[in-house]
């Protein structure tokens, strides 16, 4: 039987990845649009800021360890183990100690 909370973490990672890509696109757009189109430039900048706020919201609400419930902020996209309880985010098994 699959751990449903682990799949929630995977869904949160996917949402975070999509928001990060969209923020990068709008950031490049806001830099690439000439000053003559100030309204479009401002709109792209505001959308970028809103997407960054959305990413912080996703991290704080959805990117949590399924076992201990702590927020995984640094490296939320690359994490495979919880940095605090050292359990796998997919299976919940303890990480093997390295020597």
PDB file of N, CA and C in Angstrom:
ATOM      1  N   UNK A   1       0.832  -1.177   0.000  1.00  0.00           N
ATOM      2  CA  UNK A   1       0.000   0.000   0.000  1.00  0.00           C
ATOM      3  C   UNK A   1       0.883   1.249   0.000  1.00  0.00           C
ATOM      4  N   UNK A   2       0.552   2.218  -0.824  1.00  0.00           N
ATOM      5  CA  UNK A   2       1.345   3.431  -0.941  1.00  0.00           C
ATOM      6  C   UNK A   2       1.057   4.385   0.209  1.00  0.00           C
ATOM      7  N   UNK A   3       2.084   5.118   0.594  1.00  0.00           N
ATOM      8  CA  UNK A   3       1.927   6.139   1.616  1.00  0.00           C
ATOM      9  C   UNK A   3       1.313   7.370   0.938  1.00  0.00           C
ATOM     10  N   UNK A   4       0.098   7.725   1.318  1.00  0.00           N
ATOM     11  CA  UNK A   4      -0.599   8.826   0.657  1.00  0.00           C
ATOM     12  C   UNK A   4       0.066  10.164   0.915  1.00  0.00           C
ATOM     13  N   UNK A   5       0.675  10.341   2.079  1.00  0.00           N
ATOM     14  CA  UNK A   5       1.336  11.607   2.375  1.00  0.00           C
ATOM     15  C   UNK A   5       2.583  11.787   1.519  1.00  0.00           C
ATOM     16  N   UNK A   6       3.251  10.701   1.173  1.00  0.00           N
ATOM     17  CA  UNK A   6       4.424  10.804   0.306  1.00  0.00           C
ATOM     18  C   UNK A   6       4.006  11.281  -1.071  1.00  0.00           C
ATOM     19  N   UNK A   7       2.869  10.818  -1.565  1.00  0.00           N
ATOM     20  CA  UNK A   7       2.416  11.288  -2.866  1.00  0.00           C
ATOM     21  C   UNK A   7       2.016  12.761  -2.793  1.00  0.00           C
ATOM     22  N   UNK A   8       1.541  13.211  -1.624  1.00  0.00           N
ATOM     23  CA  UNK A   8       1.248  14.630  -1.458  1.00  0.00           C
ATOM     24  C   UNK A   8       2.527  15.452  -1.550  1.00  0.00           C
ATOM     25  N   UNK A   9       3.628  14.934  -1.012  1.00  0.00           N
ATOM     26  CA  UNK A   9       4.899  15.634  -1.118  1.00  0.00           C
ATOM     27  C   UNK A   9       5.349  15.698  -2.568  1.00  0.00           C
ATOM     28  N   UNK A  10       5.170  14.622  -3.308  1.00  0.00           N
ATOM     29  CA  UNK A  10       5.524  14.623  -4.732  1.00  0.00           C
ATOM     30  C   UNK A  10       4.671  15.634  -5.497  1.00  0.00           C
ATOM     31  N   UNK A  11       3.389  15.722  -5.186  1.00  0.00           N
ATOM     32  CA  UNK A  11       2.513  16.707  -5.826  1.00  0.00           C
ATOM     33  C   UNK A  11       2.965  18.119  -5.495  1.00  0.00           C
ATOM     34  N   UNK A  12       3.351  18.349  -4.256  1.00  0.00           N
ATOM     35  CA  UNK A  12       3.834  19.671  -3.851  1.00  0.00           C
ATOM     36  C   UNK A  12       5.121  20.029  -4.590  1.00  0.00           C
ATOM     37  N   UNK A  13       6.013  19.037  -4.761  1.00  0.00           N
ATOM     38  CA  UNK A  13       7.245  19.291  -5.515  1.00  0.00           C
ATOM     39  C   UNK A  13       6.936  19.652  -6.960  1.00  0.00           C
ATOM     40  N   UNK A  14       5.956  18.991  -7.538  1.00  0.00           N
ATOM     41  CA  UNK A  14       5.584  19.280  -8.930  1.00  0.00           C
ATOM     42  C   UNK A  14       4.984  20.678  -9.048  1.00  0.00           C
ATOM     43  N   UNK A  15       4.124  21.058  -8.109  1.00  0.00           N
ATOM     44  CA  UNK A  15       3.562  22.414  -8.125  1.00  0.00           C
ATOM     45  C   UNK A  15       4.654  23.464  -7.949  1.00  0.00           C
ATOM     46  N   UNK A  16       5.596  23.187  -7.079  1.00  0.00           N
ATOM     47  CA  UNK A  16       6.698  24.105  -6.833  1.00  0.00           C
ATOM     48  C   UNK A  16       7.573  24.248  -8.073  1.00  0.00           C
ATOM     49  N   UNK A  17       7.823  23.146  -8.745  1.00  0.00           N
ATOM     50  CA  UNK A  17       8.639  23.172  -9.970  1.00  0.00           C
ATOM     51  C   UNK A  17       7.949  24.000 -11.057  1.00  0.00           C
ATOM     52  N   UNK A  18       6.644  23.824 -11.221  1.00  0.00           N
ATOM     53  CA  UNK A  18       5.910  24.583 -12.236  1.00  0.00           C
ATOM     54  C   UNK A  18       5.884  26.073 -11.918  1.00  0.00           C
ATOM     55  N   UNK A  19       5.694  26.418 -10.636  1.00  0.00           N
ATOM     56  CA  UNK A  19       5.690  27.833 -10.242  1.00  0.00           C
ATOM     57  C   UNK A  19       7.067  28.449 -10.435  1.00  0.00           C
ATOM     58  N   UNK A  20       8.125  27.696 -10.183  1.00  0.00           N
ATOM     59  CA  UNK A  20       9.479  28.197 -10.371  1.00  0.00           C
ATOM     60  C   UNK A  20       9.777  28.464 -11.845  1.00  0.00           C
ATOM     61  N   UNK A  21       9.352  27.570 -12.711  1.00  0.00           N
ATOM     62  CA  UNK A  21       9.556  27.764 -14.149  1.00  0.00           C
ATOM     63  C   UNK A  21       8.771  28.972 -14.648  1.00  0.00           C
ATOM     64  N   UNK A  22       7.521  29.106 -14.204  1.00  0.00           N
ATOM     65  CA  UNK A  22       6.709  30.254 -14.614  1.00  0.00           C
ATOM     66  C   UNK A  22       7.309  31.558 -14.108  1.00  0.00           C
ATOM     67  N   UNK A  23       7.825  31.564 -12.885  1.00  0.00           N
ATOM     68  CA  UNK A  23       8.448  32.781 -12.344  1.00  0.00           C
ATOM     69  C   UNK A  23       9.696  33.145 -13.132  1.00  0.00           C
ATOM     70  N   UNK A  24      10.468  32.144 -13.533  1.00  0.00           N
ATOM     71  CA  UNK A  24      11.665  32.411 -14.331  1.00  0.00           C
ATOM     72  C   UNK A  24      11.300  32.993 -15.692  1.00  0.00           C
ATOM     73  N   UNK A  25      10.243  32.459 -16.299  1.00  0.00           N
ATOM     74  CA  UNK A  25       9.813  32.967 -17.611  1.00  0.00           C
ATOM     75  C   UNK A  25       9.351  34.418 -17.508  1.00  0.00           C
ATOM     76  N   UNK A  26       8.539  34.716 -16.508  1.00  0.00           N
ATOM     77  CA  UNK A  26       8.054  36.084 -16.369  1.00  0.00           C
ATOM     78  C   UNK A  26       9.168  37.035 -15.951  1.00  0.00           C
ATOM     79  N   UNK A  27      10.151  36.559 -15.215  1.00  0.00           N
ATOM     80  CA  UNK A  27      11.297  37.393 -14.848  1.00  0.00           C
ATOM     81  C   UNK A  27      12.101  37.766 -16.092  1.00  0.00           C
ATOM     82  N   UNK A  28      12.324  36.792 -16.966  1.00  0.00           N
ATOM     83  CA  UNK A  28      13.037  37.072 -18.221  1.00  0.00           C
ATOM     84  C   UNK A  28      12.214  38.010 -19.092  1.00  0.00           C
ATOM     85  N   UNK A  29      10.904  37.802 -19.133  1.00  0.00           N
ATOM     86  CA  UNK A  29      10.042  38.703 -19.907  1.00  0.00           C
ATOM     87  C   UNK A  29      10.102  40.133 -19.390  1.00  0.00           C
ATOM     88  N   UNK A  30      10.096  40.289 -18.072  1.00  0.00           N
ATOM     89  CA  UNK A  30      10.132  41.642 -17.522  1.00  0.00           C
ATOM     90  C   UNK A  30      11.458  42.324 -17.816  1.00  0.00           C
ATOM     91  N   UNK A  31      12.529  41.541 -17.960  1.00  0.00           N
ATOM     92  CA  UNK A  31      13.825  42.126 -18.309  1.00  0.00           C
ATOM     93  C   UNK A  31      13.953  42.365 -19.805  1.00  0.00           C
ATOM     94  N   UNK A  32      13.281  41.547 -20.620  1.00  0.00           N
ATOM     95  CA  UNK A  32      13.436  41.640 -22.069  1.00  0.00           C
ATOM     96  C   UNK A  32      12.503  42.652 -22.727  1.00  0.00           C
ATOM     97  N   UNK A  33      11.405  42.986 -22.083  1.00  0.00           N
ATOM     98  CA  UNK A  33      10.455  43.932 -22.671  1.00  0.00           C
ATOM     99  C   UNK A  33      11.057  45.326 -22.643  1.00  0.00           C
ATOM    100  N   UNK A  34      11.034  46.034 -23.778  1.00  0.00           N
ATOM    101  CA  UNK A  34      11.616  47.381 -23.805  1.00  0.00           C
ATOM    102  C   UNK A  34      10.829  48.366 -22.928  1.00  0.00           C
ATOM    103  N   UNK A  35      11.495  49.448 -22.570  1.00  0.00           N
ATOM    104  CA  UNK A  35      10.902  50.448 -21.675  1.00  0.00           C
ATOM    105  C   UNK A  35       9.695  51.139 -22.301  1.00  0.00           C
ATOM    106  N   UNK A  36       9.569  51.080 -23.610  1.00  0.00           N
ATOM    107  CA  UNK A  36       8.430  51.711 -24.283  1.00  0.00           C
ATOM    108  C   UNK A  36       7.111  51.035 -23.893  1.00  0.00           C
ATOM    109  N   UNK A  37       7.179  49.792 -23.537  1.00  0.00           N
ATOM    110  CA  UNK A  37       5.987  49.042 -23.118  1.00  0.00           C
ATOM    111  C   UNK A  37       5.993  48.885 -21.596  1.00  0.00           C
ATOM    112  N   UNK A  38       5.947  49.991 -20.914  1.00  0.00           N
ATOM    113  CA  UNK A  38       6.096  49.994 -19.451  1.00  0.00           C
ATOM    114  C   UNK A  38       4.981  49.213 -18.753  1.00  0.00           C
ATOM    115  N   UNK A  39       3.768  49.265 -19.291  1.00  0.00           N
ATOM    116  CA  UNK A  39       2.656  48.562 -18.652  1.00  0.00           C
ATOM    117  C   UNK A  39       2.866  47.048 -18.685  1.00  0.00           C
ATOM    118  N   UNK A  40       3.319  46.540 -19.828  1.00  0.00           N
ATOM    119  CA  UNK A  40       3.579  45.104 -19.935  1.00  0.00           C
ATOM    120  C   UNK A  40       4.763  44.694 -19.064  1.00  0.00           C
ATOM    121  N   UNK A  41       5.774  45.553 -19.007  1.00  0.00           N
ATOM    122  CA  UNK A  41       6.944  45.288 -18.179  1.00  0.00           C
ATOM    123  C   UNK A  41       6.552  45.221 -16.703  1.00  0.00           C
ATOM    124  N   UNK A  42       5.721  46.158 -16.262  1.00  0.00           N
ATOM    125  CA  UNK A  42       5.253  46.177 -14.878  1.00  0.00           C
ATOM    126  C   UNK A  42       4.382  44.967 -14.575  1.00  0.00           C
ATOM    127  N   UNK A  43       3.532  44.592 -15.519  1.00  0.00           N
ATOM    128  CA  UNK A  43       2.669  43.418 -15.332  1.00  0.00           C
ATOM    129  C   UNK A  43       3.499  42.147 -15.172  1.00  0.00           C
ATOM    130  N   UNK A  44       4.519  41.983 -15.999  1.00  0.00           N
ATOM    131  CA  UNK A  44       5.386  40.803 -15.900  1.00  0.00           C
ATOM    132  C   UNK A  44       6.125  40.787 -14.566  1.00  0.00           C
ATOM    133  N   UNK A  45       6.544  41.959 -14.100  1.00  0.00           N
ATOM    134  CA  UNK A  45       7.230  42.040 -12.815  1.00  0.00           C
ATOM    135  C   UNK A  45       6.294  41.683 -11.664  1.00  0.00           C
ATOM    136  N   UNK A  46       5.074  42.168 -11.716  1.00  0.00           N
ATOM    137  CA  UNK A  46       4.097  41.861 -10.658  1.00  0.00           C
ATOM    138  C   UNK A  46       3.750  40.380 -10.652  1.00  0.00           C
ATOM    139  N   UNK A  47       3.594  39.787 -11.830  1.00  0.00           N
ATOM    140  CA  UNK A  47       3.307  38.348 -11.911  1.00  0.00           C
ATOM    141  C   UNK A  47       4.470  37.544 -11.324  1.00  0.00           C
ATOM    142  N   UNK A  48       5.716  37.984 -11.591  1.00  0.00           N
ATOM    143  CA  UNK A  48       6.886  37.315 -11.024  1.00  0.00           C
ATOM    144  C   UNK A  48       6.853  37.365  -9.500  1.00  0.00           C
ATOM    145  N   UNK A  49       6.541  38.516  -8.942  1.00  0.00           N
ATOM    146  CA  UNK A  49       6.487  38.665  -7.489  1.00  0.00           C
ATOM    147  C   UNK A  49       5.383  37.794  -6.902  1.00  0.00           C
ATOM    148  N   UNK A  50       4.228  37.775  -7.552  1.00  0.00           N
ATOM    149  CA  UNK A  50       3.119  36.944  -7.076  1.00  0.00           C
ATOM    150  C   UNK A  50       3.492  35.459  -7.120  1.00  0.00           C
ATOM    151  N   UNK A  51       4.191  35.037  -8.164  1.00  0.00           N
ATOM    152  CA  UNK A  51       4.607  33.634  -8.257  1.00  0.00           C
ATOM    153  C   UNK A  51       5.616  33.270  -7.169  1.00  0.00           C
ATOM    154  N   UNK A  52       6.498  34.196  -6.814  1.00  0.00           N
ATOM    155  CA  UNK A  52       7.424  33.925  -5.718  1.00  0.00           C
ATOM    156  C   UNK A  52       6.677  33.796  -4.392  1.00  0.00           C
ATOM    157  N   UNK A  53       5.660  34.610  -4.187  1.00  0.00           N
ATOM    158  CA  UNK A  53       4.846  34.495  -2.974  1.00  0.00           C
ATOM    159  C   UNK A  53       4.112  33.155  -2.967  1.00  0.00           C
ATOM    160  N   UNK A  54       3.613  32.737  -4.120  1.00  0.00           N
ATOM    161  CA  UNK A  54       2.940  31.438  -4.233  1.00  0.00           C
ATOM    162  C   UNK A  54       3.911  30.299  -3.915  1.00  0.00           C
ATOM    163  N   UNK A  55       5.162  30.426  -4.374  1.00  0.00           N
ATOM    164  CA  UNK A  55       6.148  29.388  -4.080  1.00  0.00           C
ATOM    165  C   UNK A  55       6.432  29.305  -2.586  1.00  0.00           C
ATOM    166  N   UNK A  56       6.538  30.434  -1.910  1.00  0.00           N
ATOM    167  CA  UNK A  56       6.736  30.424  -0.460  1.00  0.00           C
ATOM    168  C   UNK A  56       5.537  29.783   0.230  1.00  0.00           C
ATOM    169  N   UNK A  57       4.341  30.086  -0.250  1.00  0.00           N
ATOM    170  CA  UNK A  57       3.128  29.491   0.317  1.00  0.00           C
ATOM    171  C   UNK A  57       3.124  27.972   0.132  1.00  0.00           C
ATOM    172  N   UNK A  58       3.498  27.505  -1.064  1.00  0.00           N
ATOM    173  CA  UNK A  58       3.541  26.065  -1.331  1.00  0.00           C
ATOM    174  C   UNK A  58       4.552  25.390  -0.413  1.00  0.00           C
ATOM    175  N   UNK A  59       5.713  25.997  -0.239  1.00  0.00           N
ATOM    176  CA  UNK A  59       6.740  25.409   0.618  1.00  0.00           C
ATOM    177  C   UNK A  59       6.249  25.333   2.063  1.00  0.00           C
ATOM    178  N   UNK A  60       5.626  26.406   2.535  1.00  0.00           N
ATOM    179  CA  UNK A  60       5.211  26.449   3.949  1.00  0.00           C
ATOM    180  C   UNK A  60       4.005  25.565   4.241  1.00  0.00           C
ATOM    181  N   UNK A  61       3.151  25.323   3.270  1.00  0.00           N
ATOM    182  CA  UNK A  61       1.949  24.545   3.548  1.00  0.00           C
ATOM    183  C   UNK A  61       2.023  23.100   3.081  1.00  0.00           C
ATOM    184  N   UNK A  62       2.694  22.834   1.966  1.00  0.00           N
ATOM    185  CA  UNK A  62       2.649  21.500   1.388  1.00  0.00           C
ATOM    186  C   UNK A  62       3.960  20.730   1.447  1.00  0.00           C
ATOM    187  N   UNK A  63       5.096  21.399   1.477  1.00  0.00           N
ATOM    188  CA  UNK A  63       6.389  20.702   1.476  1.00  0.00           C
ATOM    189  C   UNK A  63       6.791  20.369   2.904  1.00  0.00           C
ATOM    190  N   UNK A  64       6.114  19.392   3.462  1.00  0.00           N
ATOM    191  CA  UNK A  64       6.379  18.939   4.825  1.00  0.00           C
ATOM    192  C   UNK A  64       6.744  17.465   4.796  1.00  0.00           C
ATOM    193  N   UNK A  65       7.536  17.086   5.763  1.00  0.00           N
ATOM    194  CA  UNK A  65       7.884  15.678   5.913  1.00  0.00           C
ATOM    195  C   UNK A  65       6.622  14.919   6.302  1.00  0.00           C
ATOM    196  N   UNK A  66       6.313  13.813   5.628  1.00  0.00           N
ATOM    197  CA  UNK A  66       5.121  13.046   5.973  1.00  0.00           C
ATOM    198  C   UNK A  66       5.198  12.390   7.354  1.00  0.00           C
ATOM    199  N   UNK A  67       6.419  12.157   7.867  1.00  0.00           N
ATOM    200  CA  UNK A  67       6.554  11.476   9.151  1.00  0.00           C
ATOM    201  C   UNK A  67       6.571  12.459  10.328  1.00  0.00           C
ATOM    202  N   UNK A  68       7.444  13.487  10.271  1.00  0.00           N
ATOM    203  CA  UNK A  68       7.580  14.383  11.425  1.00  0.00           C
ATOM    204  C   UNK A  68       6.816  15.690  11.252  1.00  0.00           C
ATOM    205  N   UNK A  69       6.409  16.030  10.039  1.00  0.00           N
ATOM    206  CA  UNK A  69       5.610  17.224   9.808  1.00  0.00           C
ATOM    207  C   UNK A  69       6.390  18.516   9.727  1.00  0.00           C
ATOM    208  N   UNK A  70       7.709  18.467   9.729  1.00  0.00           N
ATOM    209  CA  UNK A  70       8.526  19.673   9.659  1.00  0.00           C
ATOM    210  C   UNK A  70       8.607  20.162   8.215  1.00  0.00           C
ATOM    211  N   UNK A  71       8.722  21.479   8.050  1.00  0.00           N
ATOM    212  CA  UNK A  71       8.815  22.087   6.727  1.00  0.00           C
ATOM    213  C   UNK A  71      10.197  21.809   6.147  1.00  0.00           C
ATOM    214  N   UNK A  72      10.232  21.382   4.892  1.00  0.00           N
ATOM    215  CA  UNK A  72      11.496  21.140   4.202  1.00  0.00           C
ATOM    216  C   UNK A  72      11.708  22.331   3.275  1.00  0.00           C
ATOM    217  N   UNK A  73      12.389  23.356   3.781  1.00  0.00           N
ATOM    218  CA  UNK A  73      12.570  24.587   3.006  1.00  0.00           C
ATOM    219  C   UNK A  73      13.818  24.544   2.133  1.00  0.00           C
ATOM    220  N   UNK A  74      15.008  24.313   2.699  1.00  0.00           N
ATOM    221  CA  UNK A  74      16.185  24.292   1.820  1.00  0.00           C
ATOM    222  C   UNK A  74      16.225  22.996   1.016  1.00  0.00           C
ATOM    223  N   UNK A  75      16.276  23.127  -0.276  1.00  0.00           N
ATOM    224  CA  UNK A  75      16.345  21.946  -1.130  1.00  0.00           C
ATOM    225  C   UNK A  75      15.053  21.181  -1.233  1.00  0.00           C
ATOM    226  N   UNK A  76      13.928  21.869  -1.238  1.00  0.00           N
ATOM    227  CA  UNK A  76      12.632  21.190  -1.274  1.00  0.00           C
ATOM    228  C   UNK A  76      12.448  20.397  -2.561  1.00  0.00           C
ATOM    229  N   UNK A  77      13.054  20.841  -3.653  1.00  0.00           N
ATOM    230  CA  UNK A  77      12.906  20.127  -4.923  1.00  0.00           C
ATOM    231  C   UNK A  77      13.820  18.911  -5.010  1.00  0.00           C
ATOM    232  N   UNK A  78      14.954  18.942  -4.335  1.00  0.00           N
ATOM    233  CA  UNK A  78      15.929  17.863  -4.466  1.00  0.00           C
ATOM    234  C   UNK A  78      15.923  16.884  -3.298  1.00  0.00           C
ATOM    235  N   UNK A  79      15.182  17.162  -2.265  1.00  0.00           N
ATOM    236  CA  UNK A  79      15.231  16.339  -1.055  1.00  0.00           C
ATOM    237  C   UNK A  79      14.616  14.964  -1.301  1.00  0.00           C
ATOM    238  N   UNK A  80      15.316  13.948  -0.839  1.00  0.00           N
ATOM    239  CA  UNK A  80      14.776  12.591  -0.853  1.00  0.00           C
ATOM    240  C   UNK A  80      14.598  12.082   0.567  1.00  0.00           C
ATOM    241  N   UNK A  81      15.349  12.665   1.506  1.00  0.00           N
ATOM    242  CA  UNK A  81      15.241  12.332   2.921  1.00  0.00           C
ATOM    243  C   UNK A  81      14.953  13.601   3.707  1.00  0.00           C
ATOM    244  N   UNK A  82      14.210  13.468   4.774  1.00  0.00           N
ATOM    245  CA  UNK A  82      13.939  14.598   5.662  1.00  0.00           C
ATOM    246  C   UNK A  82      15.233  14.972   6.366  1.00  0.00           C
ATOM    247  N   UNK A  83      15.616  16.250   6.356  1.00  0.00           N
ATOM    248  CA  UNK A  83      16.870  16.622   7.015  1.00  0.00           C
ATOM    249  C   UNK A  83      16.803  16.522   8.538  1.00  0.00           C
ATOM    250  N   UNK A  84      15.626  16.434   9.104  1.00  0.00           N
ATOM    251  CA  UNK A  84      15.493  16.404  10.562  1.00  0.00           C
ATOM    252  C   UNK A  84      15.342  14.985  11.107  1.00  0.00           C
ATOM    253  N   UNK A  85      14.386  14.238  10.579  1.00  0.00           N
ATOM    254  CA  UNK A  85      14.162  12.886  11.125  1.00  0.00           C
ATOM    255  C   UNK A  85      14.891  11.812  10.321  1.00  0.00           C
ATOM    256  N   UNK A  86      15.531  12.170   9.226  1.00  0.00           N
ATOM    257  CA  UNK A  86      16.337  11.264   8.390  1.00  0.00           C
ATOM    258  C   UNK A  86      15.539  10.093   7.837  1.00  0.00           C
ATOM    259  N   UNK A  87      14.260  10.322   7.559  1.00  0.00           N
ATOM    260  CA  UNK A  87      13.424   9.280   6.947  1.00  0.00           C
ATOM    261  C   UNK A  87      13.204   9.612   5.476  1.00  0.00           C
ATOM    262  N   UNK A  88      12.996   8.585   4.680  1.00  0.00           N
ATOM    263  CA  UNK A  88      12.728   8.766   3.262  1.00  0.00           C
ATOM    264  C   UNK A  88      11.380   9.456   3.084  1.00  0.00           C
ATOM    265  N   UNK A  89      11.325  10.408   2.176  1.00  0.00           N
ATOM    266  CA  UNK A  89      10.074  11.117   1.913  1.00  0.00           C
ATOM    267  C   UNK A  89       9.109  10.284   1.084  1.00  0.00           C
ATOM    268  N   UNK A  90       9.610   9.206   0.470  1.00  0.00           N
ATOM    269  CA  UNK A  90       8.763   8.350  -0.341  1.00  0.00           C
ATOM    270  C   UNK A  90       8.241   7.159   0.444  1.00  0.00           C
ATOM    271  N   UNK A  91       9.135   6.481   1.155  1.00  0.00           N
ATOM    272  CA  UNK A  91       8.746   5.231   1.813  1.00  0.00           C
ATOM    273  C   UNK A  91       8.584   5.367   3.323  1.00  0.00           C
ATOM    274  N   UNK A  92       9.247   6.331   3.927  1.00  0.00           N
ATOM    275  CA  UNK A  92       9.177   6.502   5.368  1.00  0.00           C
ATOM    276  C   UNK A  92      10.223   5.699   6.124  1.00  0.00           C
ATOM    277  N   UNK A  93      11.100   4.981   5.409  1.00  0.00           N
ATOM    278  CA  UNK A  93      12.136   4.190   6.063  1.00  0.00           C
ATOM    279  C   UNK A  93      13.286   5.088   6.493  1.00  0.00           C
ATOM    280  N   UNK A  94      13.961   4.680   7.564  1.00  0.00           N
ATOM    281  CA  UNK A  94      15.111   5.428   8.064  1.00  0.00           C
ATOM    282  C   UNK A  94      16.259   5.376   7.078  1.00  0.00           C
ATOM    283  N   UNK A  95      17.004   6.480   6.991  1.00  0.00           N
ATOM    284  CA  UNK A  95      18.174   6.552   6.134  1.00  0.00           C
ATOM    285  C   UNK A  95      19.298   5.745   6.771  1.00  0.00           C
ATOM    286  N   UNK A  96      20.020   5.003   5.939  1.00  0.00           N
ATOM    287  CA  UNK A  96      21.139   4.220   6.462  1.00  0.00           C
ATOM    288  C   UNK A  96      22.284   5.158   6.790  1.00  0.00           C
ATOM    289  N   UNK A  97      22.925   4.894   7.909  1.00  0.00           N
ATOM    290  CA  UNK A  97      24.043   5.746   8.338  1.00  0.00           C
ATOM    291  C   UNK A  97      25.261   5.429   7.496  1.00  0.00           C
ATOM    292  N   UNK A  98      25.945   6.504   7.066  1.00  0.00           N
ATOM    293  CA  UNK A  98      27.188   6.313   6.305  1.00  0.00           C
ATOM    294  C   UNK A  98      28.358   6.325   7.267  1.00  0.00           C
ATOM    295  N   UNK A  99      29.354   5.573   6.932  1.00  0.00           N
ATOM    296  CA  UNK A  99      30.520   5.464   7.833  1.00  0.00           C
ATOM    297  C   UNK A  99      31.641   6.305   7.327  1.00  0.00           C
TER     298      UNK A  99
END
